[in-house]
Amino acid sequence: MLIAGATSAAGRAVAIALTDAGARVIAVGSNAERLQGLQAEVTGAETYVCDLGDLAEVTALADAVHAEHGRIDGLIHLVGGWRGGGGLAGQSDEDWDFLHAHVVTTLRNTTRAFNDDLLASPAGRLAIVSSVSVDKPAPGGANYAAAKAAAEIWTRAVGQGFAKAGSDAAAVVFVVRALAGLETELATEVVSLWDPPAASVNNSRMLLAPPTE
């Protein structure tokens, strides 16, 4: 299982949960020091430094992963970030460029590089995390909501490709109001993606809510 953006709190939680479930975790990030910390925390995790916004680097990453580990069965995309505020006039080009690069471009690059793996897998899974702001966007978060909406559309296109090919792969969108505090819930749901048949979860959109007390 390859986790893109693995050094975030959510990435660490997903890496631990997948490892505990018996999966081989390939953790990818842009910071070598943080990846070393993750490797110390998650037994058996393999780490790779990569600028996921650069298609050439992602292609080289895929070549290295295939040579060293073979095909992957899951791609969990957790690269993101928030930029917003200031109303519609405050939706700067700089913020848009940041969000597009982190939220959309990294997803496009990783899915293109590993799509054949997921199609060929007996249980391939792609998962991303989106936002409730896609359903109810506000002017001050228009850049962010637009980037997340684009990521959802791209993921749905990947899922349609899985279905058209008759593959046992599935693409899933997890939706949150805020990911902080939901890392454990996300990790649990990611692991459970491999329980049902692909057709029952492909192109699904699942809301993650804080646990009730």
N, C-alpha and C. Protein backbone atom coordinates (compact mmCIF):
# COMPACT_ATOMS: atom_id res chain seq x y z
N MET A 1 0.84 -1.18 0.00
CA MET A 1 0.00 0.00 0.00
C MET A 1 0.88 1.24 0.00
N LEU A 2 0.62 2.15 -0.90
CA LEU A 2 1.41 3.36 -0.97
C LEU A 2 0.62 4.53 -0.40
N ILE A 3 1.21 5.22 0.56
CA ILE A 3 0.59 6.39 1.16
C ILE A 3 1.33 7.62 0.67
N ALA A 4 0.65 8.48 -0.05
CA ALA A 4 1.22 9.73 -0.53
C ALA A 4 0.90 10.82 0.48
N GLY A 5 1.93 11.51 0.95
CA GLY A 5 1.73 12.46 2.04
C GLY A 5 1.70 11.75 3.38
N ALA A 6 2.63 10.82 3.55
CA ALA A 6 2.57 9.89 4.68
C ALA A 6 3.01 10.49 6.01
N THR A 7 3.67 11.63 6.01
CA THR A 7 4.22 12.14 7.27
C THR A 7 3.25 13.04 8.03
N SER A 8 2.07 13.28 7.50
CA SER A 8 1.05 14.02 8.24
C SER A 8 0.53 13.15 9.39
N ALA A 9 -0.23 13.75 10.29
CA ALA A 9 -0.83 12.98 11.38
C ALA A 9 -1.74 11.89 10.82
N ALA A 10 -2.51 12.23 9.78
CA ALA A 10 -3.37 11.23 9.16
C ALA A 10 -2.55 10.14 8.48
N GLY A 11 -1.47 10.53 7.83
CA GLY A 11 -0.61 9.56 7.17
C GLY A 11 -0.01 8.56 8.16
N ARG A 12 0.44 9.06 9.29
CA ARG A 12 1.00 8.16 10.31
C ARG A 12 -0.06 7.20 10.83
N ALA A 13 -1.26 7.73 11.08
CA ALA A 13 -2.33 6.87 11.60
C ALA A 13 -2.69 5.79 10.59
N VAL A 14 -2.79 6.15 9.32
CA VAL A 14 -3.12 5.17 8.28
C VAL A 14 -2.00 4.16 8.13
N ALA A 15 -0.76 4.62 8.18
CA ALA A 15 0.38 3.71 8.05
C ALA A 15 0.39 2.68 9.18
N ILE A 16 0.14 3.12 10.39
CA ILE A 16 0.12 2.21 11.54
C ILE A 16 -1.03 1.21 11.40
N ALA A 17 -2.21 1.71 11.03
CA ALA A 17 -3.37 0.83 10.91
C ALA A 17 -3.18 -0.22 9.82
N LEU A 18 -2.65 0.19 8.68
CA LEU A 18 -2.41 -0.77 7.60
C LEU A 18 -1.36 -1.80 7.99
N THR A 19 -0.31 -1.34 8.66
CA THR A 19 0.73 -2.27 9.10
C THR A 19 0.17 -3.27 10.09
N ASP A 20 -0.62 -2.77 11.04
CA ASP A 20 -1.24 -3.66 12.03
C ASP A 20 -2.16 -4.68 11.38
N ALA A 21 -2.73 -4.30 10.22
CA ALA A 21 -3.63 -5.20 9.50
C ALA A 21 -2.86 -6.19 8.62
N GLY A 22 -1.53 -6.07 8.60
CA GLY A 22 -0.71 -7.01 7.85
C GLY A 22 -0.28 -6.53 6.49
N ALA A 23 -0.55 -5.27 6.16
CA ALA A 23 -0.16 -4.74 4.85
C ALA A 23 1.29 -4.27 4.86
N ARG A 24 1.91 -4.27 3.70
CA ARG A 24 3.23 -3.68 3.51
C ARG A 24 3.03 -2.22 3.13
N VAL A 25 3.61 -1.34 3.92
CA VAL A 25 3.38 0.10 3.73
C VAL A 25 4.58 0.74 3.04
N ILE A 26 4.28 1.48 1.98
CA ILE A 26 5.27 2.30 1.29
C ILE A 26 4.88 3.75 1.53
N ALA A 27 5.69 4.44 2.30
CA ALA A 27 5.38 5.80 2.72
C ALA A 27 6.17 6.80 1.88
N VAL A 28 5.46 7.75 1.29
CA VAL A 28 6.09 8.73 0.40
C VAL A 28 5.82 10.14 0.93
N GLY A 29 6.88 10.95 0.95
CA GLY A 29 6.75 12.33 1.37
C GLY A 29 7.87 13.16 0.79
N SER A 30 7.85 14.44 1.09
CA SER A 30 8.86 15.34 0.53
C SER A 30 9.97 15.69 1.51
N ASN A 31 9.83 15.26 2.78
CA ASN A 31 10.79 15.63 3.81
C ASN A 31 11.47 14.38 4.35
N ALA A 32 12.77 14.25 4.10
CA ALA A 32 13.50 13.04 4.49
C ALA A 32 13.52 12.86 6.00
N GLU A 33 13.67 13.95 6.73
CA GLU A 33 13.75 13.84 8.20
C GLU A 33 12.44 13.33 8.78
N ARG A 34 11.33 13.86 8.29
CA ARG A 34 10.02 13.40 8.80
C ARG A 34 9.77 11.95 8.40
N LEU A 35 10.23 11.56 7.22
CA LEU A 35 10.08 10.17 6.81
C LEU A 35 10.89 9.23 7.69
N GLN A 36 12.06 9.66 8.11
CA GLN A 36 12.86 8.86 9.03
C GLN A 36 12.13 8.66 10.35
N GLY A 37 11.47 9.73 10.82
CA GLY A 37 10.67 9.61 12.03
C GLY A 37 9.53 8.63 11.88
N LEU A 38 8.88 8.67 10.72
CA LEU A 38 7.79 7.73 10.45
C LEU A 38 8.30 6.30 10.42
N GLN A 39 9.44 6.10 9.79
CA GLN A 39 10.02 4.76 9.68
C GLN A 39 10.35 4.19 11.05
N ALA A 40 10.77 5.05 11.97
CA ALA A 40 11.06 4.60 13.33
C ALA A 40 9.78 4.24 14.08
N GLU A 41 8.69 4.89 13.70
CA GLU A 41 7.41 4.69 14.39
C GLU A 41 6.61 3.52 13.81
N VAL A 42 6.74 3.28 12.53
CA VAL A 42 5.94 2.25 11.86
C VAL A 42 6.86 1.12 11.43
N THR A 43 6.79 0.02 12.12
CA THR A 43 7.67 -1.11 11.86
C THR A 43 7.49 -1.65 10.45
N GLY A 44 8.60 -1.74 9.73
CA GLY A 44 8.58 -2.33 8.40
C GLY A 44 8.21 -1.39 7.28
N ALA A 45 7.88 -0.15 7.59
CA ALA A 45 7.51 0.80 6.52
C ALA A 45 8.72 1.12 5.66
N GLU A 46 8.51 1.15 4.36
CA GLU A 46 9.53 1.57 3.41
C GLU A 46 9.25 3.02 3.04
N THR A 47 10.27 3.85 3.01
CA THR A 47 10.05 5.27 2.76
C THR A 47 10.77 5.74 1.50
N TYR A 48 10.14 6.70 0.84
CA TYR A 48 10.71 7.30 -0.37
C TYR A 48 10.46 8.80 -0.33
N VAL A 49 11.51 9.55 -0.63
CA VAL A 49 11.38 11.01 -0.77
C VAL A 49 11.04 11.31 -2.22
N CYS A 50 9.99 12.11 -2.42
CA CYS A 50 9.57 12.42 -3.79
C CYS A 50 8.77 13.70 -3.79
N ASP A 51 9.01 14.54 -4.79
CA ASP A 51 8.16 15.69 -5.04
C ASP A 51 7.00 15.20 -5.89
N LEU A 52 5.87 14.96 -5.25
CA LEU A 52 4.74 14.36 -5.96
C LEU A 52 4.08 15.32 -6.93
N GLY A 53 4.48 16.58 -6.91
CA GLY A 53 4.00 17.53 -7.89
C GLY A 53 4.76 17.51 -9.19
N ASP A 54 5.81 16.70 -9.26
CA ASP A 54 6.67 16.60 -10.44
C ASP A 54 6.46 15.22 -11.06
N LEU A 55 5.84 15.19 -12.24
CA LEU A 55 5.51 13.91 -12.86
C LEU A 55 6.74 13.06 -13.14
N ALA A 56 7.85 13.68 -13.51
CA ALA A 56 9.06 12.91 -13.77
C ALA A 56 9.54 12.22 -12.50
N GLU A 57 9.46 12.92 -11.36
CA GLU A 57 9.87 12.30 -10.10
C GLU A 57 8.91 11.18 -9.71
N VAL A 58 7.63 11.38 -9.95
CA VAL A 58 6.66 10.35 -9.61
C VAL A 58 6.84 9.12 -10.50
N THR A 59 7.15 9.34 -11.76
CA THR A 59 7.42 8.22 -12.67
C THR A 59 8.64 7.44 -12.20
N ALA A 60 9.67 8.16 -11.77
CA ALA A 60 10.87 7.49 -11.24
C ALA A 60 10.54 6.75 -9.95
N LEU A 61 9.68 7.34 -9.11
CA LEU A 61 9.24 6.67 -7.90
C LEU A 61 8.55 5.36 -8.23
N ALA A 62 7.63 5.40 -9.19
CA ALA A 62 6.92 4.18 -9.58
C ALA A 62 7.89 3.11 -10.07
N ASP A 63 8.88 3.51 -10.85
CA ASP A 63 9.88 2.55 -11.33
C ASP A 63 10.64 1.92 -10.16
N ALA A 64 11.01 2.74 -9.19
CA ALA A 64 11.75 2.24 -8.03
C ALA A 64 10.89 1.31 -7.19
N VAL A 65 9.63 1.70 -6.96
CA VAL A 65 8.72 0.85 -6.17
C VAL A 65 8.50 -0.49 -6.86
N HIS A 66 8.30 -0.45 -8.17
CA HIS A 66 8.07 -1.70 -8.90
C HIS A 66 9.30 -2.60 -8.86
N ALA A 67 10.47 -2.00 -8.99
CA ALA A 67 11.71 -2.78 -8.99
C ALA A 67 11.98 -3.39 -7.62
N GLU A 68 11.64 -2.68 -6.57
CA GLU A 68 11.99 -3.11 -5.22
C GLU A 68 10.88 -3.86 -4.49
N HIS A 69 9.62 -3.60 -4.89
CA HIS A 69 8.51 -4.20 -4.15
C HIS A 69 7.45 -4.82 -5.03
N GLY A 70 7.48 -4.56 -6.31
CA GLY A 70 6.44 -5.05 -7.19
C GLY A 70 5.24 -4.12 -7.24
N ARG A 71 4.13 -4.65 -7.68
CA ARG A 71 2.91 -3.87 -7.87
C ARG A 71 2.30 -3.47 -6.53
N ILE A 72 1.68 -2.29 -6.48
CA ILE A 72 0.96 -1.90 -5.27
C ILE A 72 -0.51 -2.27 -5.40
N ASP A 73 -1.17 -2.44 -4.27
CA ASP A 73 -2.60 -2.78 -4.25
C ASP A 73 -3.45 -1.64 -3.70
N GLY A 74 -2.82 -0.59 -3.23
CA GLY A 74 -3.58 0.53 -2.71
C GLY A 74 -2.81 1.83 -2.81
N LEU A 75 -3.52 2.91 -3.14
CA LEU A 75 -2.94 4.24 -3.17
C LEU A 75 -3.81 5.14 -2.30
N ILE A 76 -3.26 5.59 -1.18
CA ILE A 76 -3.97 6.46 -0.26
C ILE A 76 -3.36 7.85 -0.39
N HIS A 77 -4.11 8.76 -0.96
CA HIS A 77 -3.60 10.10 -1.27
C HIS A 77 -3.99 11.06 -0.15
N LEU A 78 -3.00 11.51 0.61
CA LEU A 78 -3.23 12.39 1.76
C LEU A 78 -2.47 13.70 1.64
N VAL A 79 -2.10 14.06 0.43
CA VAL A 79 -1.41 15.33 0.20
C VAL A 79 -2.46 16.43 0.11
N GLY A 80 -2.23 17.53 0.80
CA GLY A 80 -3.21 18.61 0.75
C GLY A 80 -2.67 19.88 1.36
N GLY A 81 -3.51 20.55 2.09
CA GLY A 81 -3.15 21.82 2.69
C GLY A 81 -4.31 22.78 2.58
N TRP A 82 -4.28 23.82 3.39
CA TRP A 82 -5.38 24.79 3.41
C TRP A 82 -4.84 26.18 3.13
N ARG A 83 -5.49 26.89 2.28
CA ARG A 83 -5.27 28.31 2.07
C ARG A 83 -6.65 28.95 1.89
N GLY A 84 -6.92 30.05 2.58
CA GLY A 84 -8.22 30.66 2.42
C GLY A 84 -8.36 31.93 3.22
N GLY A 85 -9.58 32.48 3.22
CA GLY A 85 -9.88 33.71 3.92
C GLY A 85 -9.90 34.91 3.00
N GLY A 86 -10.45 36.01 3.53
CA GLY A 86 -10.43 37.26 2.78
C GLY A 86 -11.53 37.41 1.77
N GLY A 87 -12.56 36.56 1.87
CA GLY A 87 -13.65 36.66 0.90
C GLY A 87 -13.20 36.32 -0.51
N LEU A 88 -14.06 36.56 -1.47
CA LEU A 88 -13.73 36.22 -2.85
C LEU A 88 -12.52 37.02 -3.35
N ALA A 89 -12.43 38.28 -2.94
CA ALA A 89 -11.30 39.10 -3.36
C ALA A 89 -9.99 38.59 -2.81
N GLY A 90 -10.06 37.86 -1.72
CA GLY A 90 -8.84 37.33 -1.10
C GLY A 90 -8.37 36.00 -1.65
N GLN A 91 -9.05 35.49 -2.67
CA GLN A 91 -8.65 34.21 -3.27
C GLN A 91 -7.51 34.46 -4.26
N SER A 92 -6.32 34.49 -3.73
CA SER A 92 -5.16 34.92 -4.51
C SER A 92 -4.69 33.85 -5.49
N ASP A 93 -3.97 34.30 -6.49
CA ASP A 93 -3.35 33.37 -7.43
C ASP A 93 -2.32 32.51 -6.73
N GLU A 94 -1.59 33.07 -5.78
CA GLU A 94 -0.57 32.30 -5.06
C GLU A 94 -1.22 31.16 -4.28
N ASP A 95 -2.34 31.44 -3.61
CA ASP A 95 -3.03 30.39 -2.87
C ASP A 95 -3.59 29.33 -3.83
N TRP A 96 -4.14 29.79 -4.96
CA TRP A 96 -4.66 28.84 -5.93
C TRP A 96 -3.56 27.93 -6.47
N ASP A 97 -2.42 28.52 -6.80
CA ASP A 97 -1.31 27.72 -7.31
C ASP A 97 -0.87 26.68 -6.28
N PHE A 98 -0.80 27.08 -5.01
CA PHE A 98 -0.42 26.14 -3.94
C PHE A 98 -1.42 25.00 -3.85
N LEU A 99 -2.70 25.34 -3.78
CA LEU A 99 -3.73 24.31 -3.62
C LEU A 99 -3.81 23.40 -4.84
N HIS A 100 -3.73 23.98 -6.02
CA HIS A 100 -3.78 23.16 -7.22
C HIS A 100 -2.61 22.18 -7.27
N ALA A 101 -1.42 22.68 -6.91
CA ALA A 101 -0.24 21.83 -6.95
C ALA A 101 -0.33 20.70 -5.93
N HIS A 102 -0.78 21.02 -4.71
CA HIS A 102 -0.80 20.02 -3.65
C HIS A 102 -1.99 19.08 -3.73
N VAL A 103 -3.17 19.63 -3.98
CA VAL A 103 -4.39 18.82 -3.93
C VAL A 103 -4.65 18.09 -5.25
N VAL A 104 -4.45 18.79 -6.37
CA VAL A 104 -4.84 18.23 -7.66
C VAL A 104 -3.66 17.59 -8.39
N THR A 105 -2.58 18.33 -8.56
CA THR A 105 -1.47 17.82 -9.37
C THR A 105 -0.86 16.56 -8.77
N THR A 106 -0.69 16.52 -7.46
CA THR A 106 -0.12 15.32 -6.83
C THR A 106 -1.02 14.11 -7.04
N LEU A 107 -2.33 14.34 -7.01
CA LEU A 107 -3.27 13.24 -7.25
C LEU A 107 -3.21 12.77 -8.70
N ARG A 108 -3.18 13.72 -9.63
CA ARG A 108 -3.09 13.36 -11.04
C ARG A 108 -1.82 12.55 -11.32
N ASN A 109 -0.71 13.02 -10.75
CA ASN A 109 0.56 12.35 -11.01
C ASN A 109 0.59 10.94 -10.44
N THR A 110 0.17 10.78 -9.20
CA THR A 110 0.27 9.46 -8.57
C THR A 110 -0.71 8.47 -9.18
N THR A 111 -1.91 8.93 -9.51
CA THR A 111 -2.87 7.99 -10.10
C THR A 111 -2.44 7.57 -11.50
N ARG A 112 -1.88 8.49 -12.26
CA ARG A 112 -1.41 8.09 -13.60
C ARG A 112 -0.25 7.11 -13.51
N ALA A 113 0.63 7.32 -12.54
CA ALA A 113 1.80 6.45 -12.42
C ALA A 113 1.45 5.06 -11.92
N PHE A 114 0.39 4.96 -11.09
CA PHE A 114 0.08 3.66 -10.46
C PHE A 114 -1.27 3.09 -10.89
N ASN A 115 -1.91 3.70 -11.88
CA ASN A 115 -3.23 3.22 -12.30
C ASN A 115 -3.19 1.77 -12.79
N ASP A 116 -2.18 1.42 -13.55
CA ASP A 116 -2.10 0.05 -14.07
C ASP A 116 -1.96 -0.96 -12.94
N ASP A 117 -1.26 -0.58 -11.87
CA ASP A 117 -1.13 -1.46 -10.71
C ASP A 117 -2.50 -1.76 -10.11
N LEU A 118 -3.28 -0.68 -9.89
CA LEU A 118 -4.58 -0.85 -9.25
C LEU A 118 -5.54 -1.63 -10.14
N LEU A 119 -5.48 -1.38 -11.46
CA LEU A 119 -6.32 -2.12 -12.39
C LEU A 119 -6.00 -3.62 -12.38
N ALA A 120 -4.73 -3.94 -12.26
CA ALA A 120 -4.31 -5.34 -12.31
C ALA A 120 -4.45 -6.06 -10.99
N SER A 121 -4.60 -5.32 -9.92
CA SER A 121 -4.67 -5.93 -8.59
C SER A 121 -5.99 -6.67 -8.39
N PRO A 122 -5.98 -7.76 -7.62
CA PRO A 122 -7.24 -8.45 -7.30
C PRO A 122 -8.10 -7.64 -6.33
N ALA A 123 -7.53 -6.57 -5.76
CA ALA A 123 -8.30 -5.74 -4.83
C ALA A 123 -7.65 -4.36 -4.72
N GLY A 124 -7.52 -3.68 -5.86
CA GLY A 124 -6.90 -2.36 -5.85
C GLY A 124 -7.83 -1.32 -5.23
N ARG A 125 -7.25 -0.39 -4.48
CA ARG A 125 -8.05 0.67 -3.86
C ARG A 125 -7.32 2.01 -3.98
N LEU A 126 -8.09 3.04 -4.35
CA LEU A 126 -7.64 4.42 -4.34
C LEU A 126 -8.52 5.18 -3.38
N ALA A 127 -7.93 5.98 -2.49
CA ALA A 127 -8.72 6.79 -1.56
C ALA A 127 -8.11 8.18 -1.43
N ILE A 128 -8.99 9.18 -1.37
CA ILE A 128 -8.56 10.54 -1.12
C ILE A 128 -9.41 11.11 0.02
N VAL A 129 -8.99 12.25 0.55
CA VAL A 129 -9.78 12.95 1.55
C VAL A 129 -10.21 14.29 0.97
N SER A 130 -11.52 14.53 0.97
CA SER A 130 -12.06 15.78 0.47
C SER A 130 -12.74 16.53 1.62
N SER A 131 -13.53 17.53 1.27
CA SER A 131 -14.08 18.44 2.26
C SER A 131 -15.57 18.69 2.04
N VAL A 132 -16.29 18.93 3.14
CA VAL A 132 -17.70 19.28 3.03
C VAL A 132 -17.88 20.62 2.31
N SER A 133 -16.81 21.39 2.20
CA SER A 133 -16.91 22.68 1.52
C SER A 133 -17.22 22.51 0.04
N VAL A 134 -17.00 21.33 -0.51
CA VAL A 134 -17.37 21.08 -1.91
C VAL A 134 -18.89 21.19 -2.06
N ASP A 135 -19.63 20.74 -1.04
CA ASP A 135 -21.09 20.77 -1.08
C ASP A 135 -21.64 22.16 -0.80
N LYS A 136 -20.95 22.92 0.02
CA LYS A 136 -21.43 24.24 0.39
C LYS A 136 -20.26 25.22 0.43
N PRO A 137 -19.72 25.59 -0.72
CA PRO A 137 -18.55 26.46 -0.75
C PRO A 137 -18.88 27.88 -0.32
N ALA A 138 -17.90 28.50 0.33
CA ALA A 138 -18.03 29.89 0.76
C ALA A 138 -17.02 30.74 0.01
N PRO A 139 -17.29 32.03 -0.16
CA PRO A 139 -16.36 32.88 -0.90
C PRO A 139 -14.93 32.84 -0.36
N GLY A 140 -14.79 32.82 0.96
CA GLY A 140 -13.46 32.84 1.54
C GLY A 140 -12.69 31.54 1.39
N GLY A 141 -13.38 30.49 0.97
CA GLY A 141 -12.72 29.21 0.74
C GLY A 141 -12.92 28.71 -0.66
N ALA A 142 -13.18 29.63 -1.59
CA ALA A 142 -13.49 29.22 -2.97
C ALA A 142 -12.33 28.49 -3.63
N ASN A 143 -11.11 29.00 -3.44
CA ASN A 143 -9.95 28.31 -4.01
C ASN A 143 -9.87 26.87 -3.50
N TYR A 144 -10.00 26.72 -2.19
CA TYR A 144 -9.87 25.40 -1.56
C TYR A 144 -10.97 24.46 -2.03
N ALA A 145 -12.22 24.93 -2.02
CA ALA A 145 -13.33 24.08 -2.43
C ALA A 145 -13.21 23.69 -3.90
N ALA A 146 -12.75 24.62 -4.73
CA ALA A 146 -12.59 24.31 -6.15
C ALA A 146 -11.53 23.24 -6.37
N ALA A 147 -10.43 23.34 -5.63
CA ALA A 147 -9.37 22.32 -5.76
C ALA A 147 -9.86 20.96 -5.29
N LYS A 148 -10.58 20.95 -4.17
CA LYS A 148 -11.12 19.69 -3.66
C LYS A 148 -12.15 19.10 -4.62
N ALA A 149 -12.97 19.96 -5.19
CA ALA A 149 -13.95 19.47 -6.17
C ALA A 149 -13.26 18.85 -7.38
N ALA A 150 -12.18 19.49 -7.84
CA ALA A 150 -11.43 18.93 -8.96
C ALA A 150 -10.85 17.57 -8.61
N ALA A 151 -10.34 17.44 -7.38
CA ALA A 151 -9.78 16.16 -6.95
C ALA A 151 -10.86 15.08 -6.90
N GLU A 152 -12.05 15.46 -6.45
CA GLU A 152 -13.14 14.49 -6.42
C GLU A 152 -13.52 14.04 -7.84
N ILE A 153 -13.61 14.98 -8.76
CA ILE A 153 -13.95 14.63 -10.14
C ILE A 153 -12.88 13.71 -10.74
N TRP A 154 -11.62 14.02 -10.48
CA TRP A 154 -10.54 13.18 -11.00
C TRP A 154 -10.66 11.76 -10.42
N THR A 155 -10.94 11.67 -9.13
CA THR A 155 -11.06 10.35 -8.49
C THR A 155 -12.24 9.58 -9.06
N ARG A 156 -13.35 10.27 -9.31
CA ARG A 156 -14.50 9.60 -9.91
C ARG A 156 -14.18 9.11 -11.31
N ALA A 157 -13.38 9.88 -12.06
CA ALA A 157 -12.97 9.44 -13.39
C ALA A 157 -12.13 8.17 -13.31
N VAL A 158 -11.23 8.13 -12.33
CA VAL A 158 -10.43 6.92 -12.12
C VAL A 158 -11.36 5.74 -11.81
N GLY A 159 -12.34 5.98 -10.93
CA GLY A 159 -13.28 4.93 -10.58
C GLY A 159 -14.09 4.44 -11.76
N GLN A 160 -14.49 5.38 -12.64
CA GLN A 160 -15.20 4.97 -13.84
C GLN A 160 -14.32 4.11 -14.73
N GLY A 161 -13.04 4.43 -14.76
CA GLY A 161 -12.10 3.61 -15.52
C GLY A 161 -12.00 2.20 -14.95
N PHE A 162 -11.99 2.11 -13.62
CA PHE A 162 -11.97 0.78 -12.99
C PHE A 162 -13.21 -0.02 -13.40
N ALA A 163 -14.38 0.62 -13.32
CA ALA A 163 -15.62 -0.07 -13.64
C ALA A 163 -15.67 -0.50 -15.10
N LYS A 164 -15.27 0.40 -15.98
CA LYS A 164 -15.30 0.10 -17.42
C LYS A 164 -14.41 -1.06 -17.77
N ALA A 165 -13.27 -1.17 -17.04
CA ALA A 165 -12.32 -2.25 -17.32
C ALA A 165 -12.75 -3.57 -16.67
N GLY A 166 -13.81 -3.54 -15.87
CA GLY A 166 -14.23 -4.75 -15.17
C GLY A 166 -13.24 -5.17 -14.12
N SER A 167 -12.52 -4.19 -13.58
CA SER A 167 -11.48 -4.46 -12.60
C SER A 167 -12.07 -4.66 -11.21
N ASP A 168 -11.31 -5.32 -10.35
CA ASP A 168 -11.67 -5.46 -8.94
C ASP A 168 -11.08 -4.33 -8.12
N ALA A 169 -10.97 -3.15 -8.72
CA ALA A 169 -10.43 -1.97 -8.04
C ALA A 169 -11.57 -1.00 -7.74
N ALA A 170 -11.33 -0.12 -6.76
CA ALA A 170 -12.35 0.84 -6.37
C ALA A 170 -11.68 2.15 -5.98
N ALA A 171 -12.38 3.25 -6.28
CA ALA A 171 -11.93 4.59 -5.90
C ALA A 171 -12.94 5.18 -4.92
N VAL A 172 -12.44 5.73 -3.81
CA VAL A 172 -13.31 6.19 -2.74
C VAL A 172 -12.90 7.59 -2.30
N VAL A 173 -13.89 8.43 -2.01
CA VAL A 173 -13.64 9.77 -1.48
C VAL A 173 -14.15 9.82 -0.05
N PHE A 174 -13.26 10.12 0.89
CA PHE A 174 -13.66 10.38 2.27
C PHE A 174 -13.86 11.89 2.42
N VAL A 175 -14.91 12.28 3.09
CA VAL A 175 -15.27 13.69 3.22
C VAL A 175 -15.26 14.08 4.70
N VAL A 176 -14.60 15.20 5.00
CA VAL A 176 -14.51 15.66 6.38
C VAL A 176 -14.82 17.16 6.45
N ARG A 177 -15.25 17.60 7.62
CA ARG A 177 -15.34 19.03 7.87
C ARG A 177 -13.96 19.55 8.21
N ALA A 178 -13.25 18.79 9.05
CA ALA A 178 -11.85 19.06 9.38
C ALA A 178 -11.22 17.71 9.72
N LEU A 179 -10.05 17.44 9.19
CA LEU A 179 -9.43 16.14 9.38
C LEU A 179 -8.81 15.99 10.77
N ALA A 180 -8.37 17.10 11.36
CA ALA A 180 -7.76 17.03 12.69
C ALA A 180 -8.74 16.41 13.68
N GLY A 181 -8.29 15.39 14.37
CA GLY A 181 -9.12 14.68 15.32
C GLY A 181 -9.82 13.47 14.75
N LEU A 182 -9.79 13.32 13.42
CA LEU A 182 -10.44 12.18 12.77
C LEU A 182 -9.43 11.20 12.18
N GLU A 183 -8.17 11.34 12.57
CA GLU A 183 -7.14 10.49 11.99
C GLU A 183 -7.39 9.01 12.25
N THR A 184 -7.81 8.69 13.47
CA THR A 184 -8.06 7.28 13.80
C THR A 184 -9.24 6.74 13.02
N GLU A 185 -10.30 7.54 12.91
CA GLU A 185 -11.48 7.12 12.15
C GLU A 185 -11.11 6.92 10.68
N LEU A 186 -10.33 7.83 10.13
CA LEU A 186 -9.89 7.68 8.74
C LEU A 186 -9.10 6.40 8.56
N ALA A 187 -8.16 6.15 9.46
CA ALA A 187 -7.33 4.95 9.36
C ALA A 187 -8.18 3.68 9.40
N THR A 188 -9.16 3.66 10.28
CA THR A 188 -10.04 2.50 10.38
C THR A 188 -10.81 2.28 9.09
N GLU A 189 -11.34 3.37 8.53
CA GLU A 189 -12.12 3.26 7.30
C GLU A 189 -11.25 2.86 6.11
N VAL A 190 -10.01 3.35 6.09
CA VAL A 190 -9.11 2.96 5.01
C VAL A 190 -8.86 1.45 5.04
N VAL A 191 -8.55 0.93 6.21
CA VAL A 191 -8.31 -0.51 6.33
C VAL A 191 -9.54 -1.31 5.90
N SER A 192 -10.73 -0.81 6.25
CA SER A 192 -11.96 -1.55 5.94
C SER A 192 -12.35 -1.50 4.47
N LEU A 193 -11.64 -0.69 3.66
CA LEU A 193 -11.95 -0.62 2.23
C LEU A 193 -11.78 -1.96 1.54
N TRP A 194 -10.95 -2.82 2.10
CA TRP A 194 -10.68 -4.10 1.45
C TRP A 194 -11.66 -5.19 1.89
N ASP A 195 -12.62 -4.87 2.75
CA ASP A 195 -13.58 -5.88 3.21
C ASP A 195 -14.69 -6.14 2.19
N PRO A 196 -15.37 -5.12 1.67
CA PRO A 196 -16.47 -5.38 0.71
C PRO A 196 -15.95 -5.55 -0.71
N PRO A 197 -16.79 -6.08 -1.59
CA PRO A 197 -16.42 -6.16 -3.01
C PRO A 197 -16.21 -4.76 -3.59
N ALA A 198 -15.34 -4.68 -4.58
CA ALA A 198 -15.01 -3.39 -5.17
C ALA A 198 -16.24 -2.65 -5.68
N ALA A 199 -17.16 -3.36 -6.34
CA ALA A 199 -18.31 -2.71 -6.95
C ALA A 199 -19.19 -2.00 -5.93
N SER A 200 -19.17 -2.46 -4.68
CA SER A 200 -20.04 -1.86 -3.67
C SER A 200 -19.47 -0.58 -3.08
N VAL A 201 -18.18 -0.34 -3.30
CA VAL A 201 -17.58 0.89 -2.76
C VAL A 201 -17.02 1.80 -3.84
N ASN A 202 -16.91 1.32 -5.06
CA ASN A 202 -16.30 2.13 -6.11
C ASN A 202 -17.13 3.39 -6.36
N ASN A 203 -16.41 4.52 -6.46
CA ASN A 203 -17.03 5.83 -6.67
C ASN A 203 -18.00 6.22 -5.57
N SER A 204 -17.74 5.74 -4.35
CA SER A 204 -18.54 6.15 -3.21
C SER A 204 -17.92 7.37 -2.54
N ARG A 205 -18.75 8.09 -1.80
CA ARG A 205 -18.34 9.30 -1.09
C ARG A 205 -18.80 9.14 0.35
N MET A 206 -17.86 9.01 1.27
CA MET A 206 -18.17 8.66 2.65
C MET A 206 -17.84 9.82 3.59
N LEU A 207 -18.84 10.27 4.33
CA LEU A 207 -18.63 11.33 5.31
C LEU A 207 -18.04 10.76 6.58
N LEU A 208 -16.93 11.33 7.03
CA LEU A 208 -16.34 10.96 8.30
C LEU A 208 -16.72 12.02 9.33
N ALA A 209 -17.35 11.58 10.40
CA ALA A 209 -17.79 12.49 11.45
C ALA A 209 -17.06 12.15 12.74
N PRO A 210 -16.91 13.12 13.64
CA PRO A 210 -16.28 12.82 14.94
C PRO A 210 -17.06 11.74 15.67
N PRO A 211 -16.38 10.87 16.41
CA PRO A 211 -17.09 9.83 17.15
C PRO A 211 -17.97 10.43 18.22
N THR A 212 -19.14 9.82 18.41
CA THR A 212 -20.06 10.29 19.45
C THR A 212 -19.61 9.75 20.79
N GLU A 213 -19.79 10.55 21.82
CA GLU A 213 -19.38 10.14 23.16
C GLU A 213 -20.53 9.43 23.86
